[in-house]
PDB file of N, CA and C in Angstrom:
ATOM      1  N   MET A   1       0.841  -1.177   0.000  1.00  0.00           N
ATOM      2  CA  MET A   1       0.000   0.000   0.000  1.00  0.00           C
ATOM      3  C   MET A   1       0.875   1.224   0.000  1.00  0.00           C
ATOM      4  N   ASN A   2       0.351   2.305  -0.562  1.00  0.00           N
ATOM      5  CA  ASN A   2       1.087   3.555  -0.642  1.00  0.00           C
ATOM      6  C   ASN A   2       0.209   4.687  -0.126  1.00  0.00           C
ATOM      7  N   ILE A   3       0.798   5.516   0.727  1.00  0.00           N
ATOM      8  CA  ILE A   3       0.089   6.674   1.271  1.00  0.00           C
ATOM      9  C   ILE A   3       0.924   7.930   1.041  1.00  0.00           C
ATOM     10  N   GLY A   4       2.154   7.871   1.438  1.00  0.00           N
ATOM     11  CA  GLY A   4       3.104   8.972   1.304  1.00  0.00           C
ATOM     12  C   GLY A   4       4.444   8.482   1.821  1.00  0.00           C
ATOM     13  N   PRO A   5       5.542   9.066   1.387  1.00  0.00           N
ATOM     14  CA  PRO A   5       6.875   8.521   1.698  1.00  0.00           C
ATOM     15  C   PRO A   5       7.140   8.203   3.173  1.00  0.00           C
ATOM     16  N   GLU A   6       6.826   9.115   4.074  1.00  0.00           N
ATOM     17  CA  GLU A   6       7.153   8.881   5.489  1.00  0.00           C
ATOM     18  C   GLU A   6       6.284   7.784   6.102  1.00  0.00           C
ATOM     19  N   ILE A   7       5.009   7.808   5.783  1.00  0.00           N
ATOM     20  CA  ILE A   7       4.103   6.755   6.285  1.00  0.00           C
ATOM     21  C   ILE A   7       4.465   5.418   5.638  1.00  0.00           C
ATOM     22  N   ASP A   8       4.742   5.448   4.333  1.00  0.00           N
ATOM     23  CA  ASP A   8       5.098   4.215   3.624  1.00  0.00           C
ATOM     24  C   ASP A   8       6.323   3.550   4.241  1.00  0.00           C
ATOM     25  N   GLU A   9       7.288   4.353   4.654  1.00  0.00           N
ATOM     26  CA  GLU A   9       8.500   3.807   5.266  1.00  0.00           C
ATOM     27  C   GLU A   9       8.173   3.072   6.575  1.00  0.00           C
ATOM     28  N   ILE A  10       7.317   3.652   7.384  1.00  0.00           N
ATOM     29  CA  ILE A  10       6.917   3.010   8.649  1.00  0.00           C
ATOM     30  C   ILE A  10       6.194   1.694   8.356  1.00  0.00           C
ATOM     31  N   ILE A  11       5.273   1.721   7.409  1.00  0.00           N
ATOM     32  CA  ILE A  11       4.502   0.518   7.084  1.00  0.00           C
ATOM     33  C   ILE A  11       5.392  -0.544   6.447  1.00  0.00           C
ATOM     34  N   TYR A  12       6.330  -0.120   5.602  1.00  0.00           N
ATOM     35  CA  TYR A  12       7.243  -1.076   4.965  1.00  0.00           C
ATOM     36  C   TYR A  12       8.088  -1.796   6.019  1.00  0.00           C
ATOM     37  N   LYS A  13       8.615  -1.058   6.972  1.00  0.00           N
ATOM     38  CA  LYS A  13       9.415  -1.684   8.040  1.00  0.00           C
ATOM     39  C   LYS A  13       8.552  -2.633   8.870  1.00  0.00           C
ATOM     40  N   TYR A  14       7.323  -2.222   9.129  1.00  0.00           N
ATOM     41  CA  TYR A  14       6.391  -3.103   9.846  1.00  0.00           C
ATOM     42  C   TYR A  14       6.173  -4.391   9.049  1.00  0.00           C
ATOM     43  N   TYR A  15       5.902  -4.233   7.760  1.00  0.00           N
ATOM     44  CA  TYR A  15       5.626  -5.368   6.868  1.00  0.00           C
ATOM     45  C   TYR A  15       6.826  -6.314   6.766  1.00  0.00           C
ATOM     46  N   LYS A  16       8.010  -5.756   6.522  1.00  0.00           N
ATOM     47  CA  LYS A  16       9.190  -6.580   6.266  1.00  0.00           C
ATOM     48  C   LYS A  16       9.902  -7.048   7.537  1.00  0.00           C
ATOM     49  N   ILE A  17      10.041  -6.166   8.515  1.00  0.00           N
ATOM     50  CA  ILE A  17      10.867  -6.484   9.680  1.00  0.00           C
ATOM     51  C   ILE A  17      10.033  -6.974  10.863  1.00  0.00           C
ATOM     52  N   THR A  18       9.035  -6.182  11.250  1.00  0.00           N
ATOM     53  CA  THR A  18       8.275  -6.537  12.450  1.00  0.00           C
ATOM     54  C   THR A  18       7.487  -7.822  12.264  1.00  0.00           C
ATOM     55  N   VAL A  19       6.658  -7.864  11.228  1.00  0.00           N
ATOM     56  CA  VAL A  19       5.823  -9.064  11.020  1.00  0.00           C
ATOM     57  C   VAL A  19       6.301  -9.897   9.842  1.00  0.00           C
ATOM     58  N   GLY A  20       7.349  -9.456   9.173  1.00  0.00           N
ATOM     59  CA  GLY A  20       7.867 -10.168   7.999  1.00  0.00           C
ATOM     60  C   GLY A  20       8.061 -11.666   8.188  1.00  0.00           C
ATOM     61  N   PRO A  21       8.688 -12.088   9.290  1.00  0.00           N
ATOM     62  CA  PRO A  21       8.905 -13.523   9.488  1.00  0.00           C
ATOM     63  C   PRO A  21       7.618 -14.327   9.702  1.00  0.00           C
ATOM     64  N   TYR A  22       6.511 -13.649   9.890  1.00  0.00           N
ATOM     65  CA  TYR A  22       5.255 -14.330  10.215  1.00  0.00           C
ATOM     66  C   TYR A  22       4.328 -14.493   9.004  1.00  0.00           C
ATOM     67  N   TRP A  23       4.748 -13.986   7.837  1.00  0.00           N
ATOM     68  CA  TRP A  23       3.936 -14.179   6.629  1.00  0.00           C
ATOM     69  C   TRP A  23       4.038 -15.629   6.177  1.00  0.00           C
ATOM     70  N   PRO A  24       2.958 -16.197   5.643  1.00  0.00           N
ATOM     71  CA  PRO A  24       3.051 -17.553   5.090  1.00  0.00           C
ATOM     72  C   PRO A  24       3.907 -17.525   3.821  1.00  0.00           C
ATOM     73  N   PRO A  25       4.542 -18.643   3.492  1.00  0.00           N
ATOM     74  CA  PRO A  25       5.440 -18.683   2.323  1.00  0.00           C
ATOM     75  C   PRO A  25       4.780 -18.233   1.019  1.00  0.00           C
ATOM     76  N   GLU A  26       3.501 -18.530   0.850  1.00  0.00           N
ATOM     77  CA  GLU A  26       2.827 -18.183  -0.406  1.00  0.00           C
ATOM     78  C   GLU A  26       2.656 -16.662  -0.595  1.00  0.00           C
ATOM     79  N   ARG A  27       2.892 -15.889   0.444  1.00  0.00           N
ATOM     80  CA  ARG A  27       2.831 -14.432   0.313  1.00  0.00           C
ATOM     81  C   ARG A  27       3.844 -13.936  -0.704  1.00  0.00           C
ATOM     82  N   LYS A  28       4.919 -14.691  -0.862  1.00  0.00           N
ATOM     83  CA  LYS A  28       5.979 -14.332  -1.818  1.00  0.00           C
ATOM     84  C   LYS A  28       5.425 -14.208  -3.236  1.00  0.00           C
ATOM     85  N   LEU A  29       4.388 -14.974  -3.571  1.00  0.00           N
ATOM     86  CA  LEU A  29       3.776 -14.864  -4.898  1.00  0.00           C
ATOM     87  C   LEU A  29       3.230 -13.453  -5.142  1.00  0.00           C
ATOM     88  N   VAL A  30       2.608 -12.889  -4.135  1.00  0.00           N
ATOM     89  CA  VAL A  30       2.073 -11.528  -4.250  1.00  0.00           C
ATOM     90  C   VAL A  30       3.226 -10.535  -4.369  1.00  0.00           C
ATOM     91  N   GLU A  31       4.235 -10.687  -3.529  1.00  0.00           N
ATOM     92  CA  GLU A  31       5.385  -9.790  -3.567  1.00  0.00           C
ATOM     93  C   GLU A  31       6.080  -9.833  -4.926  1.00  0.00           C
ATOM     94  N   ASP A  32       6.093 -11.007  -5.542  1.00  0.00           N
ATOM     95  CA  ASP A  32       6.721 -11.180  -6.857  1.00  0.00           C
ATOM     96  C   ASP A  32       5.779 -10.842  -8.006  1.00  0.00           C
ATOM     97  N   ARG A  33       4.608 -10.304  -7.669  1.00  0.00           N
ATOM     98  CA  ARG A  33       3.596  -9.917  -8.664  1.00  0.00           C
ATOM     99  C   ARG A  33       3.189 -11.101  -9.538  1.00  0.00           C
ATOM    100  N   TYR A  34       3.230 -12.273  -8.965  1.00  0.00           N
ATOM    101  CA  TYR A  34       2.847 -13.533  -9.609  1.00  0.00           C
ATOM    102  C   TYR A  34       3.780 -13.935 -10.759  1.00  0.00           C
ATOM    103  N   GLU A  35       4.887 -13.243 -10.918  1.00  0.00           N
ATOM    104  CA  GLU A  35       5.817 -13.545 -12.008  1.00  0.00           C
ATOM    105  C   GLU A  35       6.478 -14.908 -11.845  1.00  0.00           C
ATOM    106  N   THR A  36       6.602 -15.407 -10.626  1.00  0.00           N
ATOM    107  CA  THR A  36       7.260 -16.695 -10.389  1.00  0.00           C
ATOM    108  C   THR A  36       6.272 -17.860 -10.410  1.00  0.00           C
ATOM    109  N   LEU A  37       5.007 -17.563 -10.605  1.00  0.00           N
ATOM    110  CA  LEU A  37       3.963 -18.588 -10.643  1.00  0.00           C
ATOM    111  C   LEU A  37       4.021 -19.327 -11.970  1.00  0.00           C
ATOM    112  N   PHE A  38       4.047 -20.662 -11.932  1.00  0.00           N
ATOM    113  CA  PHE A  38       4.021 -21.446 -13.166  1.00  0.00           C
ATOM    114  C   PHE A  38       2.735 -21.126 -13.911  1.00  0.00           C
ATOM    115  N   PHE A  39       2.883 -20.807 -15.184  1.00  0.00           N
ATOM    116  CA  PHE A  39       1.742 -20.333 -15.963  1.00  0.00           C
ATOM    117  C   PHE A  39       1.902 -20.853 -17.387  1.00  0.00           C
ATOM    118  N   PRO A  40       1.288 -21.999 -17.706  1.00  0.00           N
ATOM    119  CA  PRO A  40       1.515 -22.636 -19.009  1.00  0.00           C
ATOM    120  C   PRO A  40       0.667 -22.072 -20.158  1.00  0.00           C
ATOM    121  N   PHE A  41       0.433 -20.770 -20.128  1.00  0.00           N
ATOM    122  CA  PHE A  41      -0.395 -20.148 -21.159  1.00  0.00           C
ATOM    123  C   PHE A  41       0.365 -18.989 -21.795  1.00  0.00           C
ATOM    124  N   ILE A  42      -0.165 -18.484 -22.876  1.00  0.00           N
ATOM    125  CA  ILE A  42       0.413 -17.312 -23.520  1.00  0.00           C
ATOM    126  C   ILE A  42      -0.043 -16.086 -22.733  1.00  0.00           C
ATOM    127  N   ALA A  43       0.903 -15.420 -22.122  1.00  0.00           N
ATOM    128  CA  ALA A  43       0.571 -14.272 -21.272  1.00  0.00           C
ATOM    129  C   ALA A  43       0.046 -13.104 -22.094  1.00  0.00           C
ATOM    130  N   VAL A  44      -0.858 -12.360 -21.493  1.00  0.00           N
ATOM    131  CA  VAL A  44      -1.431 -11.163 -22.089  1.00  0.00           C
ATOM    132  C   VAL A  44      -0.999  -9.987 -21.226  1.00  0.00           C
ATOM    133  N   ASP A  45      -0.503  -8.941 -21.864  1.00  0.00           N
ATOM    134  CA  ASP A  45      -0.132  -7.745 -21.102  1.00  0.00           C
ATOM    135  C   ASP A  45      -1.378  -7.142 -20.482  1.00  0.00           C
ATOM    136  N   THR A  46      -1.232  -6.678 -19.254  1.00  0.00           N
ATOM    137  CA  THR A  46      -2.338  -6.023 -18.561  1.00  0.00           C
ATOM    138  C   THR A  46      -1.901  -4.621 -18.146  1.00  0.00           C
ATOM    139  N   PRO A  47      -2.824  -3.704 -18.114  1.00  0.00           N
ATOM    140  CA  PRO A  47      -2.458  -2.346 -17.694  1.00  0.00           C
ATOM    141  C   PRO A  47      -2.167  -2.301 -16.198  1.00  0.00           C
ATOM    142  N   ALA A  48      -1.413  -1.295 -15.810  1.00  0.00           N
ATOM    143  CA  ALA A  48      -1.186  -1.068 -14.384  1.00  0.00           C
ATOM    144  C   ALA A  48      -2.450  -0.424 -13.818  1.00  0.00           C
ATOM    145  N   PHE A  49      -2.870  -0.905 -12.666  1.00  0.00           N
ATOM    146  CA  PHE A  49      -4.010  -0.287 -12.006  1.00  0.00           C
ATOM    147  C   PHE A  49      -3.906  -0.503 -10.518  1.00  0.00           C
ATOM    148  N   SER A  50      -4.725   0.242  -9.772  1.00  0.00           N
ATOM    149  CA  SER A  50      -4.659   0.149  -8.319  1.00  0.00           C
ATOM    150  C   SER A  50      -6.051   0.331  -7.729  1.00  0.00           C
ATOM    151  N   MET A  51      -6.141   0.013  -6.465  1.00  0.00           N
ATOM    152  CA  MET A  51      -7.361   0.203  -5.700  1.00  0.00           C
ATOM    153  C   MET A  51      -7.098   1.372  -4.756  1.00  0.00           C
ATOM    154  N   GLU A  52      -8.098   2.206  -4.536  1.00  0.00           N
ATOM    155  CA  GLU A  52      -7.943   3.353  -3.649  1.00  0.00           C
ATOM    156  C   GLU A  52      -9.063   3.408  -2.619  1.00  0.00           C
ATOM    157  N   LYS A  53      -8.699   3.863  -1.438  1.00  0.00           N
ATOM    158  CA  LYS A  53      -9.663   4.137  -0.367  1.00  0.00           C
ATOM    159  C   LYS A  53      -9.232   5.434   0.302  1.00  0.00           C
ATOM    160  N   ILE A  54     -10.167   6.118   0.886  1.00  0.00           N
ATOM    161  CA  ILE A  54      -9.871   7.297   1.696  1.00  0.00           C
ATOM    162  C   ILE A  54     -10.021   6.840   3.146  1.00  0.00           C
ATOM    163  N   TRP A  55      -8.899   6.820   3.855  1.00  0.00           N
ATOM    164  CA  TRP A  55      -8.888   6.285   5.217  1.00  0.00           C
ATOM    165  C   TRP A  55      -8.295   7.278   6.208  1.00  0.00           C
ATOM    166  N   SER A  56      -8.747   7.130   7.441  1.00  0.00           N
ATOM    167  CA  SER A  56      -8.125   7.856   8.549  1.00  0.00           C
ATOM    168  C   SER A  56      -6.916   7.057   9.029  1.00  0.00           C
ATOM    169  N   GLY A  57      -6.116   7.677   9.881  1.00  0.00           N
ATOM    170  CA  GLY A  57      -4.992   6.956  10.475  1.00  0.00           C
ATOM    171  C   GLY A  57      -5.470   5.746  11.265  1.00  0.00           C
ATOM    172  N   LEU A  58      -6.596   5.885  11.943  1.00  0.00           N
ATOM    173  CA  LEU A  58      -7.159   4.749  12.693  1.00  0.00           C
ATOM    174  C   LEU A  58      -7.554   3.609  11.759  1.00  0.00           C
ATOM    175  N   ASP A  59      -8.083   3.954  10.588  1.00  0.00           N
ATOM    176  CA  ASP A  59      -8.432   2.927   9.606  1.00  0.00           C
ATOM    177  C   ASP A  59      -7.190   2.148   9.178  1.00  0.00           C
ATOM    178  N   VAL A  60      -6.102   2.858   8.914  1.00  0.00           N
ATOM    179  CA  VAL A  60      -4.861   2.212   8.474  1.00  0.00           C
ATOM    180  C   VAL A  60      -4.328   1.282   9.561  1.00  0.00           C
ATOM    181  N   LEU A  61      -4.254   1.763  10.795  1.00  0.00           N
ATOM    182  CA  LEU A  61      -3.765   0.904  11.883  1.00  0.00           C
ATOM    183  C   LEU A  61      -4.683  -0.289  12.087  1.00  0.00           C
ATOM    184  N   GLY A  62      -5.981  -0.081  11.960  1.00  0.00           N
ATOM    185  CA  GLY A  62      -6.917  -1.199  12.060  1.00  0.00           C
ATOM    186  C   GLY A  62      -6.686  -2.224  10.968  1.00  0.00           C
ATOM    187  N   TYR A  63      -6.409  -1.759   9.767  1.00  0.00           N
ATOM    188  CA  TYR A  63      -6.119  -2.656   8.647  1.00  0.00           C
ATOM    189  C   TYR A  63      -4.863  -3.483   8.911  1.00  0.00           C
ATOM    190  N   LEU A  64      -3.817  -2.835   9.406  1.00  0.00           N
ATOM    191  CA  LEU A  64      -2.588  -3.580   9.727  1.00  0.00           C
ATOM    192  C   LEU A  64      -2.883  -4.683  10.738  1.00  0.00           C
ATOM    193  N   GLY A  65      -3.829  -4.424  11.617  1.00  0.00           N
ATOM    194  CA  GLY A  65      -4.212  -5.413  12.616  1.00  0.00           C
ATOM    195  C   GLY A  65      -4.925  -6.622  12.041  1.00  0.00           C
ATOM    196  N   THR A  66      -5.399  -6.526  10.792  1.00  0.00           N
ATOM    197  CA  THR A  66      -6.095  -7.659  10.163  1.00  0.00           C
ATOM    198  C   THR A  66      -5.162  -8.589   9.399  1.00  0.00           C
ATOM    199  N   TRP A  67      -3.930  -8.189   9.210  1.00  0.00           N
ATOM    200  CA  TRP A  67      -3.002  -9.001   8.423  1.00  0.00           C
ATOM    201  C   TRP A  67      -2.758 -10.344   9.100  1.00  0.00           C
ATOM    202  N   SER A  68      -2.646 -11.383   8.304  1.00  0.00           N
ATOM    203  CA  SER A  68      -2.380 -12.717   8.860  1.00  0.00           C
ATOM    204  C   SER A  68      -1.041 -12.748   9.597  1.00  0.00           C
ATOM    205  N   ALA A  69      -0.053 -12.028   9.105  1.00  0.00           N
ATOM    206  CA  ALA A  69       1.254 -11.984   9.782  1.00  0.00           C
ATOM    207  C   ALA A  69       1.134 -11.302  11.144  1.00  0.00           C
ATOM    208  N   THR A  70       0.262 -10.306  11.244  1.00  0.00           N
ATOM    209  CA  THR A  70       0.018  -9.652  12.526  1.00  0.00           C
ATOM    210  C   THR A  70      -0.595 -10.644  13.505  1.00  0.00           C
ATOM    211  N   ALA A  71      -1.555 -11.430  13.035  1.00  0.00           N
ATOM    212  CA  ALA A  71      -2.190 -12.440  13.888  1.00  0.00           C
ATOM    213  C   ALA A  71      -1.174 -13.484  14.348  1.00  0.00           C
ATOM    214  N   GLN A  72      -0.291 -13.910  13.451  1.00  0.00           N
ATOM    215  CA  GLN A  72       0.726 -14.893  13.824  1.00  0.00           C
ATOM    216  C   GLN A  72       1.714 -14.310  14.837  1.00  0.00           C
ATOM    217  N   TYR A  73       2.076 -13.059  14.654  1.00  0.00           N
ATOM    218  CA  TYR A  73       2.964 -12.386  15.609  1.00  0.00           C
ATOM    219  C   TYR A  73       2.315 -12.377  16.994  1.00  0.00           C
ATOM    220  N   ARG A  74       1.029 -11.968  17.031  1.00  0.00           N
ATOM    221  CA  ARG A  74       0.305 -11.930  18.311  1.00  0.00           C
ATOM    222  C   ARG A  74       0.300 -13.303  18.975  1.00  0.00           C
ATOM    223  N   LYS A  75       0.027 -14.314  18.180  1.00  0.00           N
ATOM    224  CA  LYS A  75      -0.054 -15.680  18.701  1.00  0.00           C
ATOM    225  C   LYS A  75       1.294 -16.139  19.279  1.00  0.00           C
ATOM    226  N   LYS A  76       2.365 -15.864  18.569  1.00  0.00           N
ATOM    227  CA  LYS A  76       3.695 -16.318  18.999  1.00  0.00           C
ATOM    228  C   LYS A  76       4.267 -15.487  20.147  1.00  0.00           C
ATOM    229  N   ASN A  77       3.962 -14.184  20.168  1.00  0.00           N
ATOM    230  CA  ASN A  77       4.597 -13.277  21.123  1.00  0.00           C
ATOM    231  C   ASN A  77       3.672 -12.751  22.205  1.00  0.00           C
ATOM    232  N   ASN A  78       2.401 -13.080  22.106  1.00  0.00           N
ATOM    233  CA  ASN A  78       1.409 -12.606  23.068  1.00  0.00           C
ATOM    234  C   ASN A  78       1.469 -11.078  23.236  1.00  0.00           C
ATOM    235  N   ALA A  79       1.639 -10.401  22.094  1.00  0.00           N
ATOM    236  CA  ALA A  79       1.728  -8.932  22.097  1.00  0.00           C
ATOM    237  C   ALA A  79       1.222  -8.422  20.756  1.00  0.00           C
ATOM    238  N   ASP A  80       0.785  -7.170  20.743  1.00  0.00           N
ATOM    239  CA  ASP A  80       0.275  -6.561  19.520  1.00  0.00           C
ATOM    240  C   ASP A  80       1.402  -5.823  18.806  1.00  0.00           C
ATOM    241  N   PRO A  81       1.813  -6.276  17.628  1.00  0.00           N
ATOM    242  CA  PRO A  81       2.908  -5.610  16.933  1.00  0.00           C
ATOM    243  C   PRO A  81       2.541  -4.213  16.425  1.00  0.00           C
ATOM    244  N   VAL A  82       1.256  -3.948  16.195  1.00  0.00           N
ATOM    245  CA  VAL A  82       0.849  -2.619  15.744  1.00  0.00           C
ATOM    246  C   VAL A  82       1.228  -1.572  16.794  1.00  0.00           C
ATOM    247  N   ALA A  83       1.171  -1.950  18.055  1.00  0.00           N
ATOM    248  CA  ALA A  83       1.540  -1.025  19.129  1.00  0.00           C
ATOM    249  C   ALA A  83       3.000  -0.578  19.012  1.00  0.00           C
ATOM    250  N   LEU A  84       3.840  -1.396  18.394  1.00  0.00           N
ATOM    251  CA  LEU A  84       5.255  -1.058  18.257  1.00  0.00           C
ATOM    252  C   LEU A  84       5.493   0.119  17.310  1.00  0.00           C
ATOM    253  N   ILE A  85       4.576   0.333  16.377  1.00  0.00           N
ATOM    254  CA  ILE A  85       4.765   1.421  15.418  1.00  0.00           C
ATOM    255  C   ILE A  85       3.805   2.591  15.648  1.00  0.00           C
ATOM    256  N   ARG A  86       2.879   2.408  16.544  1.00  0.00           N
ATOM    257  CA  ARG A  86       1.804   3.393  16.712  1.00  0.00           C
ATOM    258  C   ARG A  86       2.315   4.814  16.981  1.00  0.00           C
ATOM    259  N   ARG A  87       3.256   4.982  17.879  1.00  0.00           N
ATOM    260  CA  ARG A  87       3.758   6.313  18.227  1.00  0.00           C
ATOM    261  C   ARG A  87       4.381   7.000  17.002  1.00  0.00           C
ATOM    262  N   ASP A  88       5.270   6.296  16.303  1.00  0.00           N
ATOM    263  CA  ASP A  88       5.906   6.874  15.112  1.00  0.00           C
ATOM    264  C   ASP A  88       4.873   7.159  14.026  1.00  0.00           C
ATOM    265  N   PHE A  89       3.933   6.244  13.864  1.00  0.00           N
ATOM    266  CA  PHE A  89       2.872   6.417  12.874  1.00  0.00           C
ATOM    267  C   PHE A  89       2.057   7.677  13.187  1.00  0.00           C
ATOM    268  N   GLU A  90       1.630   7.822  14.429  1.00  0.00           N
ATOM    269  CA  GLU A  90       0.815   8.980  14.826  1.00  0.00           C
ATOM    270  C   GLU A  90       1.577  10.298  14.666  1.00  0.00           C
ATOM    271  N   LYS A  91       2.873  10.267  14.946  1.00  0.00           N
ATOM    272  CA  LYS A  91       3.687  11.472  14.823  1.00  0.00           C
ATOM    273  C   LYS A  91       3.715  11.952  13.365  1.00  0.00           C
ATOM    274  N   ILE A  92       3.835  11.032  12.444  1.00  0.00           N
ATOM    275  CA  ILE A  92       3.886  11.383  11.022  1.00  0.00           C
ATOM    276  C   ILE A  92       2.484  11.680  10.483  1.00  0.00           C
ATOM    277  N   TRP A  93       1.509  10.864  10.851  1.00  0.00           N
ATOM    278  CA  TRP A  93       0.150  11.024  10.325  1.00  0.00           C
ATOM    279  C   TRP A  93      -0.485  12.341  10.772  1.00  0.00           C
ATOM    280  N   GLY A  94      -0.285  12.668  12.050  1.00  0.00           N
ATOM    281  CA  GLY A  94      -0.963  13.826  12.625  1.00  0.00           C
ATOM    282  C   GLY A  94      -2.256  13.369  13.273  1.00  0.00           C
ATOM    283  N   PRO A  95      -3.279  14.231  13.282  1.00  0.00           N
ATOM    284  CA  PRO A  95      -4.549  13.823  13.895  1.00  0.00           C
ATOM    285  C   PRO A  95      -5.059  12.520  13.263  1.00  0.00           C
ATOM    286  N   MET A  96      -5.343  11.553  14.103  1.00  0.00           N
ATOM    287  CA  MET A  96      -5.697  10.221  13.594  1.00  0.00           C
ATOM    288  C   MET A  96      -7.048  10.183  12.890  1.00  0.00           C
ATOM    289  N   ASP A  97      -7.837  11.238  13.044  1.00  0.00           N
ATOM    290  CA  ASP A  97      -9.109  11.295  12.319  1.00  0.00           C
ATOM    291  C   ASP A  97      -8.956  12.044  10.994  1.00  0.00           C
ATOM    292  N   GLU A  98      -7.727  12.418  10.658  1.00  0.00           N
ATOM    293  CA  GLU A  98      -7.443  13.038   9.360  1.00  0.00           C
ATOM    294  C   GLU A  98      -7.447  11.955   8.287  1.00  0.00           C
ATOM    295  N   TYR A  99      -8.006  12.271   7.119  1.00  0.00           N
ATOM    296  CA  TYR A  99      -8.135  11.288   6.038  1.00  0.00           C
ATOM    297  C   TYR A  99      -7.097  11.518   4.950  1.00  0.00           C
ATOM    298  N   ARG A 100      -6.641  10.410   4.382  1.00  0.00           N
ATOM    299  CA  ARG A 100      -5.694  10.435   3.264  1.00  0.00           C
ATOM    300  C   ARG A 100      -6.071   9.337   2.283  1.00  0.00           C
ATOM    301  N   THR A 101      -5.555   9.459   1.080  1.00  0.00           N
ATOM    302  CA  THR A 101      -5.768   8.434   0.062  1.00  0.00           C
ATOM    303  C   THR A 101      -4.771   7.301   0.274  1.00  0.00           C
ATOM    304  N   VAL A 102      -5.284   6.091   0.300  1.00  0.00           N
ATOM    305  CA  VAL A 102      -4.455   4.884   0.431  1.00  0.00           C
ATOM    306  C   VAL A 102      -4.606   4.121  -0.886  1.00  0.00           C
ATOM    307  N   ARG A 103      -3.476   3.750  -1.486  1.00  0.00           N
ATOM    308  CA  ARG A 103      -3.503   3.030  -2.764  1.00  0.00           C
ATOM    309  C   ARG A 103      -2.802   1.693  -2.632  1.00  0.00           C
ATOM    310  N   TRP A 104      -3.418   0.701  -3.251  1.00  0.00           N
ATOM    311  CA  TRP A 104      -2.812  -0.620  -3.346  1.00  0.00           C
ATOM    312  C   TRP A 104      -2.613  -0.928  -4.827  1.00  0.00           C
ATOM    313  N   PRO A 105      -1.368  -1.133  -5.259  1.00  0.00           N
ATOM    314  CA  PRO A 105      -1.184  -1.562  -6.645  1.00  0.00           C
ATOM    315  C   PRO A 105      -1.734  -2.980  -6.783  1.00  0.00           C
ATOM    316  N   LEU A 106      -2.428  -3.236  -7.854  1.00  0.00           N
ATOM    317  CA  LEU A 106      -2.988  -4.563  -8.109  1.00  0.00           C
ATOM    318  C   LEU A 106      -2.244  -5.185  -9.281  1.00  0.00           C
ATOM    319  N   HIS A 107      -1.979  -6.464  -9.172  1.00  0.00           N
ATOM    320  CA  HIS A 107      -1.225  -7.176 -10.195  1.00  0.00           C
ATOM    321  C   HIS A 107      -2.048  -8.355 -10.696  1.00  0.00           C
ATOM    322  N   VAL A 108      -2.043  -8.510 -11.993  1.00  0.00           N
ATOM    323  CA  VAL A 108      -2.826  -9.561 -12.631  1.00  0.00           C
ATOM    324  C   VAL A 108      -1.912 -10.359 -13.540  1.00  0.00           C
ATOM    325  N   LYS A 109      -2.101 -11.646 -13.533  1.00  0.00           N
ATOM    326  CA  LYS A 109      -1.432 -12.502 -14.505  1.00  0.00           C
ATOM    327  C   LYS A 109      -2.550 -13.082 -15.350  1.00  0.00           C
ATOM    328  N   ALA A 110      -2.606 -12.665 -16.595  1.00  0.00           N
ATOM    329  CA  ALA A 110      -3.710 -13.048 -17.465  1.00  0.00           C
ATOM    330  C   ALA A 110      -3.178 -13.721 -18.728  1.00  0.00           C
ATOM    331  N   ALA A 111      -4.043 -14.516 -19.334  1.00  0.00           N
ATOM    332  CA  ALA A 111      -3.664 -15.212 -20.559  1.00  0.00           C
ATOM    333  C   ALA A 111      -4.901 -15.537 -21.371  1.00  0.00           C
ATOM    334  N   ARG A 112      -4.635 -15.812 -22.615  1.00  0.00           N
ATOM    335  CA  ARG A 112      -5.657 -16.396 -23.466  1.00  0.00           C
ATOM    336  C   ARG A 112      -5.350 -17.882 -23.520  1.00  0.00           C
ATOM    337  N   VAL A 113      -6.344 -18.672 -23.259  1.00  0.00           N
ATOM    338  CA  VAL A 113      -6.128 -20.119 -23.316  1.00  0.00           C
ATOM    339  C   VAL A 113      -5.845 -20.536 -24.739  1.00  0.00           C
ATOM    340  N   HIS A 114      -6.531 -19.927 -25.682  1.00  0.00           N
ATOM    341  CA  HIS A 114      -6.285 -20.161 -27.107  1.00  0.00           C
ATOM    342  C   HIS A 114      -5.759 -18.862 -27.669  1.00  0.00           C
ATOM    343  N   GLY A 115      -4.421 -18.765 -27.793  1.00  0.00           N
ATOM    344  CA  GLY A 115      -3.760 -17.526 -28.138  1.00  0.00           C
ATOM    345  C   GLY A 115      -4.194 -16.870 -29.432  1.00  0.00           C
ATOM    346  N   ASP A 116      -4.794 -17.607 -30.367  1.00  0.00           N
ATOM    347  CA  ASP A 116      -5.159 -17.015 -31.653  1.00  0.00           C
ATOM    348  C   ASP A 116      -6.599 -16.502 -31.679  1.00  0.00           C
ATOM    349  N   ARG A 117      -7.323 -16.635 -30.596  1.00  0.00           N
ATOM    350  CA  ARG A 117      -8.721 -16.178 -30.555  1.00  0.00           C
ATOM    351  C   ARG A 117      -8.804 -14.804 -29.927  1.00  0.00           C
ATOM    352  N   GLU A 118      -9.789 -14.052 -30.331  1.00  0.00           N
ATOM    353  CA  GLU A 118     -10.042 -12.723 -29.755  1.00  0.00           C
ATOM    354  C   GLU A 118     -11.021 -12.841 -28.621  1.00  0.00           C
TER     355      GLU A 118
END
């Protein structure tokens, strides 16, 4: 997800370092944009696109709390990893009821099963 450079840096460190070891192995497929997925078809180029939401800081922190890696961290450590970044996040975000645009790049691996058909 992308919000802005300073917030993105906090979330990236949370994603990779704090809860990174708790992601299931198949998460790597998403990180690799499905490029490493075996795909025995003729690939079709797809446009770049993303999903957008307008969220408050509380919405973003709540979303981080839904991640499977966050749940695994909680289970293994009996602690909430979101609390580890909350202070830095709030300092950069400002008022937590302030809204910003949150974007998620979406990646598609598409193909035509019969490459010569329209």
